[in-house]
Protein backbone atom coordinates (compact mmCIF):
# COMPACT_ATOMS: atom_id res chain seq x y z
CA MET A 1 -55.06 39.70 89.45
CA ASN A 2 -52.33 37.04 89.06
CA ARG A 3 -52.16 35.54 85.58
CA VAL A 4 -51.27 31.84 85.58
CA ALA A 5 -50.79 29.05 83.02
CA VAL A 6 -50.63 25.27 83.43
CA ILE A 7 -48.28 23.21 81.28
CA GLY A 8 -49.44 19.62 80.87
CA LEU A 9 -53.05 18.50 81.23
CA GLY A 10 -52.77 15.01 82.64
CA LYS A 11 -54.26 14.07 86.01
CA MET A 12 -52.21 16.59 88.03
CA GLY A 13 -52.55 19.30 85.39
CA LEU A 14 -56.33 19.07 85.44
CA LEU A 15 -56.28 19.14 89.24
CA HIS A 16 -54.11 22.25 89.44
CA ALA A 17 -55.98 24.00 86.63
CA SER A 18 -59.32 23.36 88.31
CA LEU A 19 -58.07 24.63 91.68
CA LEU A 20 -56.43 27.72 90.18
CA ASN A 21 -59.63 28.50 88.31
CA VAL A 22 -61.53 29.10 91.60
CA ILE A 23 -58.87 30.90 93.68
CA PRO A 24 -59.64 34.60 94.26
CA ASP A 25 -57.17 37.03 92.63
CA VAL A 26 -55.93 34.26 90.29
CA LYS A 27 -56.86 34.02 86.63
CA LEU A 28 -56.09 30.85 84.69
CA VAL A 29 -55.05 32.45 81.41
CA ALA A 30 -53.76 29.48 79.42
CA VAL A 31 -53.04 25.78 79.36
CA CYS A 32 -50.23 24.29 77.27
CA GLU A 33 -50.64 20.72 76.04
CA LYS A 34 -49.13 18.94 73.02
CA SER A 35 -51.89 16.36 72.62
CA SER A 36 -54.48 17.56 70.10
CA LEU A 37 -57.05 15.16 71.60
CA ILE A 38 -56.63 16.61 75.10
CA ASN A 39 -56.70 20.13 73.64
CA ARG A 40 -60.10 19.49 72.05
CA PHE A 41 -61.37 18.22 75.39
CA SER A 42 -59.85 21.22 77.21
CA LYS A 43 -61.75 23.71 75.08
CA ASN A 44 -64.99 22.34 76.49
CA VAL A 45 -63.77 22.33 80.11
CA PHE A 46 -61.88 25.65 80.11
CA SER A 47 -63.98 27.65 77.67
CA ASP A 48 -62.49 31.07 78.46
CA VAL A 49 -58.86 29.89 78.67
CA LYS A 50 -56.33 30.05 75.84
CA ILE A 51 -55.24 26.57 74.67
CA VAL A 52 -51.71 26.39 73.23
CA SER A 53 -49.43 23.54 72.18
CA ASP A 54 -46.04 25.28 72.43
CA ILE A 55 -44.41 26.97 75.43
CA SER A 56 -43.18 29.86 73.28
CA GLU A 57 -46.83 30.92 72.83
CA LEU A 58 -46.98 31.67 76.56
CA SER A 59 -44.36 34.42 76.27
CA GLU A 60 -46.89 36.93 74.94
CA LEU A 61 -49.45 36.44 77.71
CA HIS A 62 -47.76 38.48 80.48
CA LEU A 63 -47.93 35.62 82.96
CA ASP A 64 -47.10 35.90 86.64
CA ALA A 65 -46.66 32.14 87.17
CA VAL A 66 -46.69 28.75 85.49
CA TYR A 67 -47.49 25.31 86.89
CA ILE A 68 -45.56 22.46 85.25
CA THR A 69 -47.34 19.10 85.54
CA THR A 70 -45.72 17.14 82.72
CA PRO A 71 -43.71 13.88 83.02
CA THR A 72 -40.45 14.26 84.98
CA SER A 73 -38.32 13.61 81.89
CA THR A 74 -39.64 16.83 80.31
CA HIS A 75 -39.07 19.16 83.29
CA TYR A 76 -35.51 20.15 82.45
CA GLY A 77 -36.31 21.30 78.91
CA ILE A 78 -39.53 23.08 79.87
CA ILE A 79 -38.04 24.98 82.81
CA SER A 80 -34.98 25.93 80.75
CA THR A 81 -37.25 27.35 78.03
CA ILE A 82 -39.33 29.31 80.57
CA ILE A 83 -36.17 30.83 82.04
CA GLU A 84 -34.53 31.59 78.69
CA GLN A 85 -37.67 33.12 77.17
CA GLU A 86 -38.56 34.94 80.40
CA VAL A 87 -42.10 33.55 80.28
CA CYS A 88 -42.77 34.49 83.92
CA ARG A 89 -41.12 35.05 87.31
CA HIS A 90 -42.80 32.38 89.42
CA ILE A 91 -42.46 28.66 88.59
CA PHE A 92 -44.14 25.70 90.27
CA VAL A 93 -43.14 22.21 89.12
CA GLU A 94 -44.56 18.90 90.26
CA LYS A 95 -42.03 16.66 91.99
CA PRO A 96 -39.37 15.62 91.37
CA LEU A 97 -37.62 18.64 89.89
CA SER A 98 -35.79 16.61 87.24
CA ASN A 99 -34.41 13.17 86.36
CA SER A 100 -31.14 13.65 88.25
CA ALA A 101 -29.33 15.68 90.88
CA LYS A 102 -27.05 17.03 88.12
CA GLU A 103 -29.99 18.37 86.08
CA SER A 104 -31.57 19.82 89.22
CA ARG A 105 -28.38 21.70 90.12
CA GLN A 106 -28.15 23.02 86.57
CA LEU A 107 -31.73 24.30 86.72
CA CYS A 108 -31.05 26.05 90.04
CA ASP A 109 -27.95 27.65 88.50
CA LYS A 110 -29.96 28.78 85.47
CA VAL A 111 -32.50 30.52 87.72
CA LYS A 112 -29.75 32.25 89.72
CA LYS A 113 -27.88 33.40 86.60
CA SER A 114 -31.09 34.71 85.04
CA GLY A 115 -31.58 37.13 87.94
CA ASN A 116 -35.10 35.82 88.45
CA THR A 117 -36.43 37.16 91.76
CA GLY A 118 -39.62 35.12 91.70
CA ILE A 119 -40.54 32.04 93.74
CA CYS A 120 -39.47 28.76 92.16
CA MET A 121 -40.68 25.66 93.97
CA VAL A 122 -41.20 21.91 93.67
CA GLY A 123 -44.44 20.26 94.81
CA TYR A 124 -43.26 18.49 97.95
CA ASN A 125 -46.62 18.97 99.62
CA ARG A 126 -46.07 16.65 102.60
CA ARG A 127 -44.51 19.55 104.51
CA PHE A 128 -47.93 21.23 104.49
CA ASN A 129 -49.82 18.13 105.66
CA VAL A 130 -51.27 18.40 109.18
CA THR A 131 -49.98 14.95 110.19
CA PHE A 132 -46.40 15.60 109.17
CA ARG A 133 -46.39 19.12 110.62
CA LYS A 134 -47.42 17.61 113.95
CA ALA A 135 -44.68 14.99 113.61
CA ILE A 136 -41.93 17.59 113.15
CA GLU A 137 -43.34 19.57 116.08
CA ILE A 138 -42.96 16.47 118.29
CA ILE A 139 -39.42 15.89 117.01
CA ARG A 140 -38.32 19.49 117.55
CA GLU A 141 -39.76 19.59 121.07
CA GLY A 142 -37.62 16.59 121.96
CA ILE A 143 -40.57 14.51 123.12
CA LEU A 144 -39.11 11.43 121.42
CA GLY A 145 -35.54 12.13 122.43
CA GLU A 146 -32.92 12.38 119.70
CA PRO A 147 -33.85 10.36 116.57
CA VAL A 148 -30.89 8.34 115.28
CA ASN A 149 -32.54 6.29 112.51
CA PHE A 150 -35.85 5.70 110.76
CA GLU A 151 -37.51 3.74 107.98
CA GLY A 152 -39.68 5.22 105.26
CA TYR A 153 -42.15 3.49 102.93
CA ALA A 154 -43.92 4.48 99.72
CA PHE A 155 -46.58 2.30 98.08
CA SER A 156 -48.33 2.73 94.74
CA SER A 157 -50.51 0.43 92.65
CA ASP A 158 -49.40 2.41 89.57
CA PHE A 159 -46.17 0.44 89.51
CA LEU A 160 -47.45 -3.13 89.71
CA ALA A 161 -46.23 -5.58 87.07
CA GLY A 162 -49.44 -5.12 85.10
CA SER A 163 -48.89 -1.40 84.58
CA GLN A 164 -47.51 -0.12 81.31
CA GLU A 165 -43.71 -0.04 81.30
CA GLY A 166 -43.59 3.30 79.47
CA LYS A 167 -45.80 4.92 82.08
CA ARG A 168 -43.57 3.73 84.92
CA ILE A 169 -40.43 4.98 83.18
CA ASN A 170 -42.06 8.30 82.32
CA ARG A 171 -42.92 8.92 85.96
CA GLY A 172 -39.49 7.80 87.15
CA GLY A 173 -40.53 4.64 88.99
CA VAL A 174 -41.79 4.43 92.56
CA LEU A 175 -38.61 5.90 94.10
CA ARG A 176 -38.70 9.13 92.10
CA ASP A 177 -42.47 9.43 91.92
CA LEU A 178 -43.44 8.67 95.55
CA GLY A 179 -40.20 7.77 97.31
CA CYS A 180 -38.93 11.31 96.82
CA HIS A 181 -41.63 12.46 99.27
CA ALA A 182 -40.15 10.16 101.91
CA ILE A 183 -36.66 11.49 101.18
CA ASP A 184 -37.85 15.11 101.39
CA LEU A 185 -39.56 14.40 104.72
CA ALA A 186 -36.45 12.67 106.03
CA ILE A 187 -34.31 15.72 105.25
CA TRP A 188 -36.94 18.01 106.80
CA PHE A 189 -37.24 15.89 109.94
CA MET A 190 -33.61 14.94 110.45
CA GLY A 191 -31.48 17.60 108.76
CA ASN A 192 -28.25 16.18 107.34
CA ILE A 193 -28.67 12.44 106.91
CA ASN A 194 -26.62 9.57 105.54
CA PHE A 195 -28.46 7.03 103.41
CA LYS A 196 -27.18 3.50 104.01
CA SER A 197 -29.56 1.69 101.66
CA ILE A 198 -32.59 2.23 99.49
CA ASN A 199 -34.61 -0.75 98.33
CA SER A 200 -37.28 -0.76 95.63
CA SER A 201 -39.29 -3.97 95.30
CA LYS A 202 -42.66 -5.32 94.22
CA VAL A 203 -44.98 -6.42 97.02
């Protein structure tokens, strides 16, 4: 039985926790959330799961994996703590990995230096989508010829002018929150690519 914890119980945290709770051979052991209000709610939803407010409390639970579903700005500190305290071997973090390429490289270096042999991954789930898997199959078979350029789009009502500014900043804006999926797909589809321009605008 694989013992798993979820860190962060917002929309994505609740989704992952609910899914993990019904997967065979997986036991949702704990959820970690700083908000006392959400913790009180969680006790009613996950009655047999340990509710903690500090990552250090997860160290004693003999976890196999953690799912990190907190705002992007917190990823670097949380992942660093998990590595340093050897909370578990396997780490899943919602995209993007961190606020910058520099922080992401540092986190990758931390994992390598720690000797961790587990699976560490970021939630770029488009690569597992049937539509996109068919698209890369068509590209690789050469049906379209050799692609030389493309355009990618990402739309979200979360980032309209009426949304809360703090929420948009916390999630990194549309480019980091949704646009990173388009960038990941572009790299998957095209291999090494050169970005000439990226435009973020309100529609």
